Amino acid sequence: MGSGIEGICPFRVEERKLTDNSSVDATLRALLADVLGLGEDRAAALTEDSGLFGELPEFDSMAVATVLTEMEDRLGILIDDDEIDGEIFETYGNLLAFSLRKVTD
């Protein structure tokens, strides 16, 4: 037995990072449902071409910051300021593609 946490917790603890495309999609939809108050049905109905910023009244500039923070927390990623541009938030497909790129980095 070790003297630190490994003595208390016999299994190895690692940060979980989503890598499965369907898991990232489901997590992103749940995130948008929660943050924007869309509800599960509306979030599930989003297609790759569904407009986000400028199309959904709930998706305003304040929501962008919250969505980014939640993406980092829920997807286990880090997003640098210089990675963000308006194109990411134009459609759900763009946001999903960005998320998938980040989880595979």
PDB file of N, CA and C in Angstrom:
ATOM      1  N   MET A   1       0.837  -1.190   0.000  1.00  0.00           N
ATOM      2  CA  MET A   1       0.000   0.000   0.000  1.00  0.00           C
ATOM      3  C   MET A   1       0.869   1.236   0.000  1.00  0.00           C
ATOM      4  N   GLY A   2       0.458   2.210  -0.799  1.00  0.00           N
ATOM      5  CA  GLY A   2       1.192   3.465  -0.854  1.00  0.00           C
ATOM      6  C   GLY A   2       0.764   4.397   0.260  1.00  0.00           C
ATOM      7  N   SER A   3       1.438   5.492   0.333  1.00  0.00           N
ATOM      8  CA  SER A   3       1.135   6.442   1.400  1.00  0.00           C
ATOM      9  C   SER A   3       0.194   7.549   0.939  1.00  0.00           C
ATOM     10  N   GLY A   4      -0.033   7.660  -0.364  1.00  0.00           N
ATOM     11  CA  GLY A   4      -0.897   8.723  -0.881  1.00  0.00           C
ATOM     12  C   GLY A   4      -2.269   8.195  -1.229  1.00  0.00           C
ATOM     13  N   ILE A   5      -2.908   8.820  -2.190  1.00  0.00           N
ATOM     14  CA  ILE A   5      -4.247   8.444  -2.605  1.00  0.00           C
ATOM     15  C   ILE A   5      -4.294   7.015  -3.122  1.00  0.00           C
ATOM     16  N   GLU A   6      -3.175   6.554  -3.709  1.00  0.00           N
ATOM     17  CA  GLU A   6      -3.175   5.189  -4.221  1.00  0.00           C
ATOM     18  C   GLU A   6      -3.380   4.161  -3.114  1.00  0.00           C
ATOM     19  N   GLY A   7      -3.064   4.522  -1.874  1.00  0.00           N
ATOM     20  CA  GLY A   7      -3.311   3.633  -0.754  1.00  0.00           C
ATOM     21  C   GLY A   7      -4.782   3.550  -0.400  1.00  0.00           C
ATOM     22  N   ILE A   8      -5.516   4.602  -0.652  1.00  0.00           N
ATOM     23  CA  ILE A   8      -6.947   4.660  -0.365  1.00  0.00           C
ATOM     24  C   ILE A   8      -7.754   4.118  -1.534  1.00  0.00           C
ATOM     25  N   CYS A   9      -7.317   4.455  -2.714  1.00  0.00           N
ATOM     26  CA  CYS A   9      -8.033   4.128  -3.944  1.00  0.00           C
ATOM     27  C   CYS A   9      -7.159   3.174  -4.761  1.00  0.00           C
ATOM     28  N   PRO A  10      -7.441   1.856  -4.749  1.00  0.00           N
ATOM     29  CA  PRO A  10      -6.551   0.889  -5.371  1.00  0.00           C
ATOM     30  C   PRO A  10      -6.543   0.896  -6.899  1.00  0.00           C
ATOM     31  N   PHE A  11      -7.471   1.580  -7.535  1.00  0.00           N
ATOM     32  CA  PHE A  11      -7.481   1.616  -8.989  1.00  0.00           C
ATOM     33  C   PHE A  11      -6.938   2.954  -9.479  1.00  0.00           C
ATOM     34  N   ARG A  12      -6.438   2.941 -10.677  1.00  0.00           N
ATOM     35  CA  ARG A  12      -5.836   4.128 -11.252  1.00  0.00           C
ATOM     36  C   ARG A  12      -6.917   5.082 -11.744  1.00  0.00           C
ATOM     37  N   VAL A  13      -6.820   6.333 -11.349  1.00  0.00           N
ATOM     38  CA  VAL A  13      -7.794   7.337 -11.748  1.00  0.00           C
ATOM     39  C   VAL A  13      -7.196   8.168 -12.876  1.00  0.00           C
ATOM     40  N   GLU A  14      -7.916   8.242 -13.991  1.00  0.00           N
ATOM     41  CA  GLU A  14      -7.475   9.033 -15.128  1.00  0.00           C
ATOM     42  C   GLU A  14      -8.596   9.941 -15.576  1.00  0.00           C
ATOM     43  N   GLU A  15      -8.225  11.067 -16.165  1.00  0.00           N
ATOM     44  CA  GLU A  15      -9.231  11.969 -16.708  1.00  0.00           C
ATOM     45  C   GLU A  15      -9.872  11.282 -17.901  1.00  0.00           C
ATOM     46  N   ARG A  16     -11.192  11.299 -17.948  1.00  0.00           N
ATOM     47  CA  ARG A  16     -11.922  10.666 -19.040  1.00  0.00           C
ATOM     48  C   ARG A  16     -12.136  11.685 -20.147  1.00  0.00           C
ATOM     49  N   LYS A  17     -11.741  11.315 -21.341  1.00  0.00           N
ATOM     50  CA  LYS A  17     -11.916  12.186 -22.490  1.00  0.00           C
ATOM     51  C   LYS A  17     -12.766  11.448 -23.515  1.00  0.00           C
ATOM     52  N   LEU A  18     -13.834  12.076 -23.964  1.00  0.00           N
ATOM     53  CA  LEU A  18     -14.716  11.456 -24.948  1.00  0.00           C
ATOM     54  C   LEU A  18     -14.021  11.396 -26.295  1.00  0.00           C
ATOM     55  N   THR A  19     -14.101  10.268 -26.960  1.00  0.00           N
ATOM     56  CA  THR A  19     -13.516  10.162 -28.297  1.00  0.00           C
ATOM     57  C   THR A  19     -14.494   9.572 -29.303  1.00  0.00           C
ATOM     58  N   ASP A  20     -15.540   8.938 -28.852  1.00  0.00           N
ATOM     59  CA  ASP A  20     -16.526   8.337 -29.728  1.00  0.00           C
ATOM     60  C   ASP A  20     -17.413   9.430 -30.325  1.00  0.00           C
ATOM     61  N   ASN A  21     -17.567   9.430 -31.653  1.00  0.00           N
ATOM     62  CA  ASN A  21     -18.347  10.484 -32.325  1.00  0.00           C
ATOM     63  C   ASN A  21     -19.767  10.606 -31.786  1.00  0.00           C
ATOM     64  N   SER A  22     -20.434   9.469 -31.573  1.00  0.00           N
ATOM     65  CA  SER A  22     -21.812   9.530 -31.089  1.00  0.00           C
ATOM     66  C   SER A  22     -21.870  10.044 -29.652  1.00  0.00           C
ATOM     67  N   SER A  23     -20.852   9.760 -28.850  1.00  0.00           N
ATOM     68  CA  SER A  23     -20.807  10.278 -27.480  1.00  0.00           C
ATOM     69  C   SER A  23     -20.608  11.786 -27.473  1.00  0.00           C
ATOM     70  N   VAL A  24     -19.758  12.267 -28.359  1.00  0.00           N
ATOM     71  CA  VAL A  24     -19.528  13.709 -28.458  1.00  0.00           C
ATOM     72  C   VAL A  24     -20.805  14.396 -28.924  1.00  0.00           C
ATOM     73  N   ASP A  25     -21.468  13.818 -29.916  1.00  0.00           N
ATOM     74  CA  ASP A  25     -22.720  14.377 -30.421  1.00  0.00           C
ATOM     75  C   ASP A  25     -23.772  14.428 -29.314  1.00  0.00           C
ATOM     76  N   ALA A  26     -23.946  13.336 -28.598  1.00  0.00           N
ATOM     77  CA  ALA A  26     -24.943  13.276 -27.517  1.00  0.00           C
ATOM     78  C   ALA A  26     -24.610  14.271 -26.405  1.00  0.00           C
ATOM     79  N   THR A  27     -23.334  14.378 -26.068  1.00  0.00           N
ATOM     80  CA  THR A  27     -22.911  15.311 -25.023  1.00  0.00           C
ATOM     81  C   THR A  27     -23.152  16.746 -25.455  1.00  0.00           C
ATOM     82  N   LEU A  28     -22.846  17.058 -26.703  1.00  0.00           N
ATOM     83  CA  LEU A  28     -23.041  18.407 -27.220  1.00  0.00           C
ATOM     84  C   LEU A  28     -24.528  18.774 -27.268  1.00  0.00           C
ATOM     85  N   ARG A  29     -25.371  17.842 -27.665  1.00  0.00           N
ATOM     86  CA  ARG A  29     -26.814  18.093 -27.692  1.00  0.00           C
ATOM     87  C   ARG A  29     -27.359  18.322 -26.279  1.00  0.00           C
ATOM     88  N   ALA A  30     -26.907  17.512 -25.326  1.00  0.00           N
ATOM     89  CA  ALA A  30     -27.343  17.682 -23.930  1.00  0.00           C
ATOM     90  C   ALA A  30     -26.863  19.021 -23.380  1.00  0.00           C
ATOM     91  N   LEU A  31     -25.652  19.383 -23.725  1.00  0.00           N
ATOM     92  CA  LEU A  31     -25.085  20.666 -23.302  1.00  0.00           C
ATOM     93  C   LEU A  31     -25.934  21.830 -23.824  1.00  0.00           C
ATOM     94  N   LEU A  32     -26.258  21.801 -25.111  1.00  0.00           N
ATOM     95  CA  LEU A  32     -27.070  22.875 -25.697  1.00  0.00           C
ATOM     96  C   LEU A  32     -28.472  22.897 -25.093  1.00  0.00           C
ATOM     97  N   ALA A  33     -29.032  21.728 -24.843  1.00  0.00           N
ATOM     98  CA  ALA A  33     -30.353  21.664 -24.210  1.00  0.00           C
ATOM     99  C   ALA A  33     -30.313  22.319 -22.834  1.00  0.00           C
ATOM    100  N   ASP A  34     -29.263  22.033 -22.069  1.00  0.00           N
ATOM    101  CA  ASP A  34     -29.128  22.586 -20.716  1.00  0.00           C
ATOM    102  C   ASP A  34     -28.825  24.081 -20.724  1.00  0.00           C
ATOM    103  N   VAL A  35     -27.799  24.462 -21.461  1.00  0.00           N
ATOM    104  CA  VAL A  35     -27.325  25.851 -21.438  1.00  0.00           C
ATOM    105  C   VAL A  35     -28.327  26.807 -22.072  1.00  0.00           C
ATOM    106  N   LEU A  36     -28.896  26.397 -23.196  1.00  0.00           N
ATOM    107  CA  LEU A  36     -29.809  27.278 -23.925  1.00  0.00           C
ATOM    108  C   LEU A  36     -31.265  27.081 -23.522  1.00  0.00           C
ATOM    109  N   GLY A  37     -31.527  26.041 -22.739  1.00  0.00           N
ATOM    110  CA  GLY A  37     -32.905  25.757 -22.339  1.00  0.00           C
ATOM    111  C   GLY A  37     -33.757  25.278 -23.502  1.00  0.00           C
ATOM    112  N   LEU A  38     -33.135  24.561 -24.430  1.00  0.00           N
ATOM    113  CA  LEU A  38     -33.859  24.102 -25.616  1.00  0.00           C
ATOM    114  C   LEU A  38     -34.786  22.935 -25.321  1.00  0.00           C
ATOM    115  N   GLY A  39     -34.441  22.147 -24.343  1.00  0.00           N
ATOM    116  CA  GLY A  39     -35.176  20.917 -24.107  1.00  0.00           C
ATOM    117  C   GLY A  39     -34.606  19.809 -24.969  1.00  0.00           C
ATOM    118  N   GLU A  40     -34.830  18.587 -24.552  1.00  0.00           N
ATOM    119  CA  GLU A  40     -34.258  17.430 -25.244  1.00  0.00           C
ATOM    120  C   GLU A  40     -34.768  17.282 -26.672  1.00  0.00           C
ATOM    121  N   ASP A  41     -36.051  17.499 -26.885  1.00  0.00           N
ATOM    122  CA  ASP A  41     -36.623  17.304 -28.222  1.00  0.00           C
ATOM    123  C   ASP A  41     -36.054  18.288 -29.232  1.00  0.00           C
ATOM    124  N   ARG A  42     -35.969  19.547 -28.840  1.00  0.00           N
ATOM    125  CA  ARG A  42     -35.421  20.561 -29.757  1.00  0.00           C
ATOM    126  C   ARG A  42     -33.949  20.311 -30.028  1.00  0.00           C
ATOM    127  N   ALA A  43     -33.206  19.927 -29.001  1.00  0.00           N
ATOM    128  CA  ALA A  43     -31.782  19.638 -29.187  1.00  0.00           C
ATOM    129  C   ALA A  43     -31.596  18.406 -30.073  1.00  0.00           C
ATOM    130  N   ALA A  44     -32.433  17.398 -29.894  1.00  0.00           N
ATOM    131  CA  ALA A  44     -32.345  16.181 -30.709  1.00  0.00           C
ATOM    132  C   ALA A  44     -32.680  16.455 -32.173  1.00  0.00           C
ATOM    133  N   ALA A  45     -33.501  17.467 -32.430  1.00  0.00           N
ATOM    134  CA  ALA A  45     -33.920  17.789 -33.797  1.00  0.00           C
ATOM    135  C   ALA A  45     -32.876  18.596 -34.565  1.00  0.00           C
ATOM    136  N   LEU A  46     -31.806  19.037 -33.915  1.00  0.00           N
ATOM    137  CA  LEU A  46     -30.772  19.806 -34.614  1.00  0.00           C
ATOM    138  C   LEU A  46     -30.105  18.946 -35.679  1.00  0.00           C
ATOM    139  N   THR A  47     -29.951  19.510 -36.861  1.00  0.00           N
ATOM    140  CA  THR A  47     -29.244  18.834 -37.954  1.00  0.00           C
ATOM    141  C   THR A  47     -27.918  19.551 -38.159  1.00  0.00           C
ATOM    142  N   GLU A  48     -27.085  19.002 -39.020  1.00  0.00           N
ATOM    143  CA  GLU A  48     -25.802  19.657 -39.307  1.00  0.00           C
ATOM    144  C   GLU A  48     -26.001  21.068 -39.833  1.00  0.00           C
ATOM    145  N   ASP A  49     -27.089  21.311 -40.549  1.00  0.00           N
ATOM    146  CA  ASP A  49     -27.351  22.620 -41.144  1.00  0.00           C
ATOM    147  C   ASP A  49     -28.148  23.558 -40.245  1.00  0.00           C
ATOM    148  N   SER A  50     -28.538  23.085 -39.072  1.00  0.00           N
ATOM    149  CA  SER A  50     -29.315  23.940 -38.156  1.00  0.00           C
ATOM    150  C   SER A  50     -28.476  25.136 -37.723  1.00  0.00           C
ATOM    151  N   GLY A  51     -29.039  26.330 -37.905  1.00  0.00           N
ATOM    152  CA  GLY A  51     -28.346  27.536 -37.494  1.00  0.00           C
ATOM    153  C   GLY A  51     -28.345  27.682 -35.984  1.00  0.00           C
ATOM    154  N   LEU A  52     -27.268  28.225 -35.455  1.00  0.00           N
ATOM    155  CA  LEU A  52     -27.166  28.448 -34.014  1.00  0.00           C
ATOM    156  C   LEU A  52     -27.139  29.949 -33.730  1.00  0.00           C
ATOM    157  N   PHE A  53     -25.945  30.530 -33.665  1.00  0.00           N
ATOM    158  CA  PHE A  53     -25.812  31.948 -33.338  1.00  0.00           C
ATOM    159  C   PHE A  53     -26.468  32.790 -34.431  1.00  0.00           C
ATOM    160  N   GLY A  54     -27.381  33.637 -34.025  1.00  0.00           N
ATOM    161  CA  GLY A  54     -28.112  34.460 -34.975  1.00  0.00           C
ATOM    162  C   GLY A  54     -29.399  33.813 -35.460  1.00  0.00           C
ATOM    163  N   GLU A  55     -29.560  32.532 -35.230  1.00  0.00           N
ATOM    164  CA  GLU A  55     -30.763  31.811 -35.627  1.00  0.00           C
ATOM    165  C   GLU A  55     -31.618  31.444 -34.424  1.00  0.00           C
ATOM    166  N   LEU A  56     -30.974  30.961 -33.372  1.00  0.00           N
ATOM    167  CA  LEU A  56     -31.688  30.628 -32.139  1.00  0.00           C
ATOM    168  C   LEU A  56     -31.641  31.835 -31.211  1.00  0.00           C
ATOM    169  N   PRO A  57     -32.790  32.363 -30.823  1.00  0.00           N
ATOM    170  CA  PRO A  57     -32.777  33.535 -29.949  1.00  0.00           C
ATOM    171  C   PRO A  57     -32.066  33.269 -28.619  1.00  0.00           C
ATOM    172  N   GLU A  58     -32.050  32.017 -28.184  1.00  0.00           N
ATOM    173  CA  GLU A  58     -31.394  31.662 -26.925  1.00  0.00           C
ATOM    174  C   GLU A  58     -29.871  31.706 -27.027  1.00  0.00           C
ATOM    175  N   PHE A  59     -29.348  31.620 -28.252  1.00  0.00           N
ATOM    176  CA  PHE A  59     -27.901  31.549 -28.454  1.00  0.00           C
ATOM    177  C   PHE A  59     -27.361  32.945 -28.729  1.00  0.00           C
ATOM    178  N   ASP A  60     -27.151  33.696 -27.654  1.00  0.00           N
ATOM    179  CA  ASP A  60     -26.614  35.047 -27.765  1.00  0.00           C
ATOM    180  C   ASP A  60     -25.150  35.062 -27.338  1.00  0.00           C
ATOM    181  N   SER A  61     -24.548  36.248 -27.297  1.00  0.00           N
ATOM    182  CA  SER A  61     -23.125  36.347 -26.973  1.00  0.00           C
ATOM    183  C   SER A  61     -22.806  35.842 -25.568  1.00  0.00           C
ATOM    184  N   MET A  62     -23.724  36.019 -24.638  1.00  0.00           N
ATOM    185  CA  MET A  62     -23.504  35.507 -23.278  1.00  0.00           C
ATOM    186  C   MET A  62     -23.532  33.978 -23.276  1.00  0.00           C
ATOM    187  N   ALA A  63     -24.392  33.405 -24.084  1.00  0.00           N
ATOM    188  CA  ALA A  63     -24.488  31.944 -24.153  1.00  0.00           C
ATOM    189  C   ALA A  63     -23.226  31.338 -24.752  1.00  0.00           C
ATOM    190  N   VAL A  64     -22.567  32.057 -25.665  1.00  0.00           N
ATOM    191  CA  VAL A  64     -21.344  31.544 -26.282  1.00  0.00           C
ATOM    192  C   VAL A  64     -20.304  31.220 -25.215  1.00  0.00           C
ATOM    193  N   ALA A  65     -20.085  32.135 -24.287  1.00  0.00           N
ATOM    194  CA  ALA A  65     -19.091  31.915 -23.226  1.00  0.00           C
ATOM    195  C   ALA A  65     -19.460  30.706 -22.370  1.00  0.00           C
ATOM    196  N   THR A  66     -20.725  30.579 -22.047  1.00  0.00           N
ATOM    197  CA  THR A  66     -21.176  29.452 -21.227  1.00  0.00           C
ATOM    198  C   THR A  66     -21.048  28.140 -21.991  1.00  0.00           C
ATOM    199  N   VAL A  67     -21.397  28.140 -23.260  1.00  0.00           N
ATOM    200  CA  VAL A  67     -21.270  26.929 -24.082  1.00  0.00           C
ATOM    201  C   VAL A  67     -19.807  26.497 -24.147  1.00  0.00           C
ATOM    202  N   LEU A  68     -18.902  27.439 -24.359  1.00  0.00           N
ATOM    203  CA  LEU A  68     -17.479  27.092 -24.427  1.00  0.00           C
ATOM    204  C   LEU A  68     -16.978  26.493 -23.121  1.00  0.00           C
ATOM    205  N   THR A  69     -17.366  27.089 -22.007  1.00  0.00           N
ATOM    206  CA  THR A  69     -16.957  26.581 -20.695  1.00  0.00           C
ATOM    207  C   THR A  69     -17.509  25.179 -20.462  1.00  0.00           C
ATOM    208  N   GLU A  70     -18.770  24.980 -20.793  1.00  0.00           N
ATOM    209  CA  GLU A  70     -19.389  23.670 -20.632  1.00  0.00           C
ATOM    210  C   GLU A  70     -18.762  22.635 -21.564  1.00  0.00           C
ATOM    211  N   MET A  71     -18.388  23.041 -22.777  1.00  0.00           N
ATOM    212  CA  MET A  71     -17.719  22.124 -23.690  1.00  0.00           C
ATOM    213  C   MET A  71     -16.407  21.637 -23.084  1.00  0.00           C
ATOM    214  N   GLU A  72     -15.655  22.553 -22.506  1.00  0.00           N
ATOM    215  CA  GLU A  72     -14.398  22.167 -21.866  1.00  0.00           C
ATOM    216  C   GLU A  72     -14.649  21.171 -20.739  1.00  0.00           C
ATOM    217  N   ASP A  73     -15.627  21.470 -19.906  1.00  0.00           N
ATOM    218  CA  ASP A  73     -15.928  20.607 -18.761  1.00  0.00           C
ATOM    219  C   ASP A  73     -16.464  19.248 -19.179  1.00  0.00           C
ATOM    220  N   ARG A  74     -17.442  19.241 -20.054  1.00  0.00           N
ATOM    221  CA  ARG A  74     -18.128  17.988 -20.392  1.00  0.00           C
ATOM    222  C   ARG A  74     -17.369  17.116 -21.383  1.00  0.00           C
ATOM    223  N   LEU A  75     -16.592  17.754 -22.260  1.00  0.00           N
ATOM    224  CA  LEU A  75     -15.850  16.992 -23.262  1.00  0.00           C
ATOM    225  C   LEU A  75     -14.408  16.729 -22.847  1.00  0.00           C
ATOM    226  N   GLY A  76     -13.964  17.359 -21.759  1.00  0.00           N
ATOM    227  CA  GLY A  76     -12.596  17.165 -21.296  1.00  0.00           C
ATOM    228  C   GLY A  76     -11.567  17.763 -22.235  1.00  0.00           C
ATOM    229  N   ILE A  77     -11.877  18.950 -22.765  1.00  0.00           N
ATOM    230  CA  ILE A  77     -10.985  19.616 -23.721  1.00  0.00           C
ATOM    231  C   ILE A  77     -10.586  20.985 -23.195  1.00  0.00           C
ATOM    232  N   LEU A  78      -9.578  21.578 -23.826  1.00  0.00           N
ATOM    233  CA  LEU A  78      -9.189  22.961 -23.562  1.00  0.00           C
ATOM    234  C   LEU A  78      -9.339  23.739 -24.857  1.00  0.00           C
ATOM    235  N   ILE A  79      -9.976  24.897 -24.778  1.00  0.00           N
ATOM    236  CA  ILE A  79     -10.200  25.726 -25.952  1.00  0.00           C
ATOM    237  C   ILE A  79      -9.462  27.035 -25.751  1.00  0.00           C
ATOM    238  N   ASP A  80      -8.530  27.331 -26.647  1.00  0.00           N
ATOM    239  CA  ASP A  80      -7.794  28.591 -26.602  1.00  0.00           C
ATOM    240  C   ASP A  80      -8.594  29.678 -27.306  1.00  0.00           C
ATOM    241  N   ASP A  81      -8.430  30.910 -26.846  1.00  0.00           N
ATOM    242  CA  ASP A  81      -9.154  32.033 -27.435  1.00  0.00           C
ATOM    243  C   ASP A  81      -8.917  32.152 -28.934  1.00  0.00           C
ATOM    244  N   ASP A  82      -7.709  31.875 -29.377  1.00  0.00           N
ATOM    245  CA  ASP A  82      -7.395  32.035 -30.798  1.00  0.00           C
ATOM    246  C   ASP A  82      -8.008  30.935 -31.683  1.00  0.00           C
ATOM    247  N   GLU A  83      -8.619  29.943 -31.078  1.00  0.00           N
ATOM    248  CA  GLU A  83      -9.286  28.880 -31.842  1.00  0.00           C
ATOM    249  C   GLU A  83     -10.736  29.231 -32.162  1.00  0.00           C
ATOM    250  N   ILE A  84     -11.248  30.254 -31.547  1.00  0.00           N
ATOM    251  CA  ILE A  84     -12.665  30.590 -31.657  1.00  0.00           C
ATOM    252  C   ILE A  84     -12.889  31.637 -32.739  1.00  0.00           C
ATOM    253  N   ASP A  85     -13.830  31.344 -33.619  1.00  0.00           N
ATOM    254  CA  ASP A  85     -14.301  32.341 -34.583  1.00  0.00           C
ATOM    255  C   ASP A  85     -15.798  32.138 -34.794  1.00  0.00           C
ATOM    256  N   GLY A  86     -16.416  33.086 -35.427  1.00  0.00           N
ATOM    257  CA  GLY A  86     -17.868  33.052 -35.604  1.00  0.00           C
ATOM    258  C   GLY A  86     -18.369  31.867 -36.403  1.00  0.00           C
ATOM    259  N   GLU A  87     -17.536  31.340 -37.276  1.00  0.00           N
ATOM    260  CA  GLU A  87     -17.949  30.221 -38.127  1.00  0.00           C
ATOM    261  C   GLU A  87     -18.308  28.981 -37.300  1.00  0.00           C
ATOM    262  N   ILE A  88     -17.634  28.788 -36.183  1.00  0.00           N
ATOM    263  CA  ILE A  88     -17.893  27.621 -35.330  1.00  0.00           C
ATOM    264  C   ILE A  88     -19.341  27.595 -34.870  1.00  0.00           C
ATOM    265  N   PHE A  89     -19.905  28.763 -34.622  1.00  0.00           N
ATOM    266  CA  PHE A  89     -21.254  28.843 -34.062  1.00  0.00           C
ATOM    267  C   PHE A  89     -22.342  29.093 -35.102  1.00  0.00           C
ATOM    268  N   GLU A  90     -21.980  29.062 -36.395  1.00  0.00           N
ATOM    269  CA  GLU A  90     -22.978  29.273 -37.447  1.00  0.00           C
ATOM    270  C   GLU A  90     -23.991  28.135 -37.499  1.00  0.00           C
ATOM    271  N   THR A  91     -23.500  26.902 -37.448  1.00  0.00           N
ATOM    272  CA  THR A  91     -24.392  25.741 -37.540  1.00  0.00           C
ATOM    273  C   THR A  91     -24.011  24.700 -36.491  1.00  0.00           C
ATOM    274  N   TYR A  92     -24.960  23.799 -36.239  1.00  0.00           N
ATOM    275  CA  TYR A  92     -24.677  22.705 -35.323  1.00  0.00           C
ATOM    276  C   TYR A  92     -23.557  21.828 -35.890  1.00  0.00           C
ATOM    277  N   GLY A  93     -23.558  21.605 -37.180  1.00  0.00           N
ATOM    278  CA  GLY A  93     -22.512  20.791 -37.811  1.00  0.00           C
ATOM    279  C   GLY A  93     -21.127  21.372 -37.598  1.00  0.00           C
ATOM    280  N   ASN A  94     -20.996  22.700 -37.701  1.00  0.00           N
ATOM    281  CA  ASN A  94     -19.701  23.341 -37.461  1.00  0.00           C
ATOM    282  C   ASN A  94     -19.260  23.162 -36.017  1.00  0.00           C
ATOM    283  N   LEU A  95     -20.191  23.327 -35.089  1.00  0.00           N
ATOM    284  CA  LEU A  95     -19.865  23.186 -33.673  1.00  0.00           C
ATOM    285  C   LEU A  95     -19.488  21.736 -33.354  1.00  0.00           C
ATOM    286  N   LEU A  96     -20.193  20.787 -33.938  1.00  0.00           N
ATOM    287  CA  LEU A  96     -19.879  19.382 -33.729  1.00  0.00           C
ATOM    288  C   LEU A  96     -18.509  19.039 -34.324  1.00  0.00           C
ATOM    289  N   ALA A  97     -18.226  19.518 -35.526  1.00  0.00           N
ATOM    290  CA  ALA A  97     -16.929  19.249 -36.169  1.00  0.00           C
ATOM    291  C   ALA A  97     -15.786  19.820 -35.328  1.00  0.00           C
ATOM    292  N   PHE A  98     -15.962  21.029 -34.811  1.00  0.00           N
ATOM    293  CA  PHE A  98     -14.953  21.637 -33.940  1.00  0.00           C
ATOM    294  C   PHE A  98     -14.749  20.771 -32.696  1.00  0.00           C
ATOM    295  N   SER A  99     -15.837  20.333 -32.094  1.00  0.00           N
ATOM    296  CA  SER A  99     -15.766  19.503 -30.887  1.00  0.00           C
ATOM    297  C   SER A  99     -15.046  18.190 -31.167  1.00  0.00           C
ATOM    298  N   LEU A 100     -15.359  17.567 -32.283  1.00  0.00           N
ATOM    299  CA  LEU A 100     -14.711  16.298 -32.632  1.00  0.00           C
ATOM    300  C   LEU A 100     -13.213  16.489 -32.860  1.00  0.00           C
ATOM    301  N   ARG A 101     -12.827  17.595 -33.515  1.00  0.00           N
ATOM    302  CA  ARG A 101     -11.403  17.882 -33.706  1.00  0.00           C
ATOM    303  C   ARG A 101     -10.699  18.043 -32.359  1.00  0.00           C
ATOM    304  N   LYS A 102     -11.363  18.736 -31.432  1.00  0.00           N
ATOM    305  CA  LYS A 102     -10.746  19.000 -30.134  1.00  0.00           C
ATOM    306  C   LYS A 102     -10.569  17.726 -29.308  1.00  0.00           C
ATOM    307  N   VAL A 103     -11.539  16.836 -29.340  1.00  0.00           N
ATOM    308  CA  VAL A 103     -11.409  15.614 -28.524  1.00  0.00           C
ATOM    309  C   VAL A 103     -10.358  14.660 -29.078  1.00  0.00           C
ATOM    310  N   THR A 104     -10.020  14.796 -30.348  1.00  0.00           N
ATOM    311  CA  THR A 104      -9.004  13.920 -30.928  1.00  0.00           C
ATOM    312  C   THR A 104      -7.619  14.533 -30.920  1.00  0.00           C
ATOM    313  N   ASP A 105      -7.505  15.797 -30.487  1.00  0.00           N
ATOM    314  CA  ASP A 105      -6.179  16.454 -30.383  1.00  0.00           C
ATOM    315  C   ASP A 105      -5.331  15.795 -29.344  1.00  0.00           C
TER     316      ASP A 105
END
